[in-house]
Every structure is written in C-alpha cells, then in structure tokens.
Amino acid sequence: MALVAAGLNVEKNALAAAATHIALHSADPGATGANQTSAGRVAAGWPASANGLIVVAGKNFTGGAGNGPVTHVGLWGGATGGTFYGSFPIPTGNGSTNDVQFNAAGEYTLTSFALQGA
C-alpha cells in the first residue's frame, strides 16, 4: 500500500526537521553528497507539509563558480558537515524558472523546489 497524504506529511515533516540546510551540487551527489558547489549551504526554512509535499522558494546562494553548473539540490543536517540525507535534480522545464548554472558573479536563486516522493 502506498502512503496517503497524511502519512506523506509525517514523512516530509520528519525529514524537514533533520535536513535543516540545502546545498547546490554540480553533478549527481550520489549516496555521499559529492559534487557540492563552493556556494555556502542555506537554511531550508521548510514550511509544514501539505498534501504530501513541502515547497520552498526564493533561496539565494552566493560563492559559486561563475557560470558553473547546478544540477542537484542536496539535503543536509547542518550549515557545514552534518548528515547528507539525499538529493533531487534541480527542477527545470514544465514552467519552472530555475536556472541550470550560477550567474557570472557566482550567484544562484532556487526559485522553487518541492520536497516530494516517498
């Protein structure tokens, strides 16, 4: 049986409580959190889960490589160090306004990201 929305909300809220920070990765982080960019992690500031998903928007990163690639969002348990909880590809296409690289100054804004899936 698949989880219903109430179960997914519990799952997402528990993960959000542990994964306090998000990072940008220049390639698939795999199981270890590899390929983290030089941009500092930012506090996730997750809202409560509704209908089985959590959406954050407008997260600003600085310190990345000018025009460097951004492919994944990593979920971390701290601003530095901490536990790596997994990653998701940067959502692009289908109306998304997320970029696939830092700007020339090494800045990046994650316009929208949904923590979803079981």
Protein backbone atom coordinates (compact mmCIF):
# COMPACT_ATOMS: atom_id res chain seq x y z
CA MET A 1 0.00 0.00 0.00
CA ALA A 2 1.24 3.48 -0.81
CA LEU A 3 1.25 6.22 1.80
CA VAL A 4 -1.72 8.56 1.75
CA ALA A 5 -1.33 12.34 2.16
CA ALA A 6 -1.42 12.16 5.98
CA GLY A 7 1.41 9.61 6.00
CA LEU A 8 3.41 11.59 3.46
CA ASN A 9 3.02 14.71 5.60
CA VAL A 10 4.53 12.90 8.61
CA GLU A 11 7.37 11.61 6.44
CA LYS A 12 8.16 15.03 4.93
CA ASN A 13 7.91 16.90 8.24
CA ALA A 14 10.32 14.43 9.89
CA LEU A 15 12.83 14.80 7.06
CA ALA A 16 12.46 18.58 7.10
CA ALA A 17 13.22 18.63 10.84
CA ALA A 18 16.51 16.77 10.23
CA ALA A 19 17.56 18.31 6.89
CA THR A 20 17.96 21.87 8.10
CA HIS A 21 20.09 23.10 5.17
CA ILE A 22 20.16 22.78 1.41
CA ALA A 23 23.17 22.84 -0.89
CA LEU A 24 23.71 23.05 -4.62
CA HIS A 25 25.61 20.31 -6.45
CA SER A 26 27.33 20.48 -9.84
CA ALA A 27 26.59 16.82 -10.66
CA ASP A 28 24.69 13.93 -9.09
CA PRO A 29 25.76 13.76 -5.41
CA GLY A 30 25.22 10.01 -5.25
CA ALA A 31 24.89 8.47 -1.79
CA THR A 32 27.63 10.59 -0.17
CA GLY A 33 26.81 14.20 -1.10
CA ALA A 34 29.66 14.52 -3.61
CA ASN A 35 29.97 17.38 -6.08
CA GLN A 36 28.80 20.10 -3.70
CA THR A 37 29.48 23.51 -5.22
CA SER A 38 31.54 26.17 -3.48
CA ALA A 39 28.37 28.13 -2.68
CA GLY A 40 27.53 28.00 1.01
CA ARG A 41 24.57 26.00 2.23
CA VAL A 42 21.45 27.92 3.14
CA ALA A 43 18.85 27.28 5.82
CA ALA A 44 15.97 25.38 4.29
CA GLY A 45 13.21 27.02 6.32
CA TRP A 46 10.74 24.31 5.35
CA PRO A 47 7.04 25.10 5.82
CA ALA A 48 4.77 22.34 7.14
CA SER A 49 3.92 19.61 4.66
CA ALA A 50 0.54 19.78 2.96
CA ASN A 51 -0.89 17.12 0.68
CA GLY A 52 2.33 15.12 0.94
CA LEU A 53 4.79 17.75 -0.21
CA ILE A 54 6.77 20.74 1.01
CA VAL A 55 7.67 23.63 -1.28
CA VAL A 56 10.40 26.21 -0.67
CA ALA A 57 11.07 29.16 -2.92
CA GLY A 58 13.46 32.05 -3.37
CA LYS A 59 16.57 30.53 -1.78
CA ASN A 60 19.63 32.62 -2.64
CA PHE A 61 23.14 31.16 -2.87
CA THR A 62 26.43 33.03 -3.30
CA GLY A 63 30.05 31.97 -3.71
CA GLY A 64 29.57 29.55 -6.60
CA ALA A 65 31.83 29.32 -9.63
CA GLY A 66 30.89 31.97 -12.17
CA ASN A 67 28.67 30.33 -14.80
CA GLY A 68 29.30 26.95 -13.15
CA PRO A 69 26.72 24.16 -13.45
CA VAL A 70 23.95 23.47 -10.93
CA THR A 71 22.24 20.10 -11.32
CA HIS A 72 21.01 18.95 -7.90
CA VAL A 73 19.72 20.19 -4.54
CA GLY A 74 21.25 18.34 -1.59
CA LEU A 75 19.59 17.98 1.81
CA TRP A 76 21.99 18.36 4.76
CA GLY A 77 21.79 18.32 8.55
CA GLY A 78 23.91 21.43 9.07
CA ALA A 79 25.43 24.55 7.58
CA THR A 80 28.75 22.69 7.36
CA GLY A 81 29.43 19.00 7.87
CA GLY A 82 26.35 17.20 9.10
CA THR A 83 24.48 14.24 7.67
CA PHE A 84 23.68 14.04 3.97
CA TYR A 85 20.03 13.00 3.59
CA GLY A 86 19.79 12.79 -0.19
CA SER A 87 19.25 14.94 -3.24
CA PHE A 88 16.88 15.81 -6.02
CA PRO A 89 17.60 17.07 -9.54
CA ILE A 90 17.07 20.82 -9.96
CA PRO A 91 13.55 21.15 -11.37
CA THR A 92 13.68 22.70 -14.84
CA GLY A 93 11.25 22.80 -17.73
CA ASN A 94 7.48 22.45 -17.45
CA GLY A 95 7.13 26.10 -16.47
CA SER A 96 9.97 26.05 -13.92
CA THR A 97 12.08 29.20 -13.80
CA ASN A 98 15.13 27.57 -12.18
CA ASP A 99 18.45 28.12 -13.92
CA VAL A 100 20.97 25.36 -14.64
CA GLN A 101 24.05 27.40 -13.74
CA PHE A 102 25.34 30.16 -11.49
CA ASN A 103 25.42 33.65 -12.97
CA ALA A 104 28.78 35.27 -13.81
CA ALA A 105 29.09 36.58 -10.23
CA GLY A 106 28.61 33.08 -8.74
CA GLU A 107 25.06 33.75 -7.52
CA TYR A 108 22.09 31.44 -7.86
CA THR A 109 18.44 31.66 -6.82
CA LEU A 110 16.50 28.45 -6.39
CA THR A 111 13.13 29.80 -7.46
CA SER A 112 11.10 26.77 -6.40
CA PHE A 113 11.80 23.30 -5.04
CA ALA A 114 9.33 20.67 -3.82
CA LEU A 115 10.35 18.00 -1.33
CA GLN A 116 8.15 15.18 -2.53
CA GLY A 117 8.10 11.47 -3.25
CA ALA A 118 8.28 8.56 -0.85
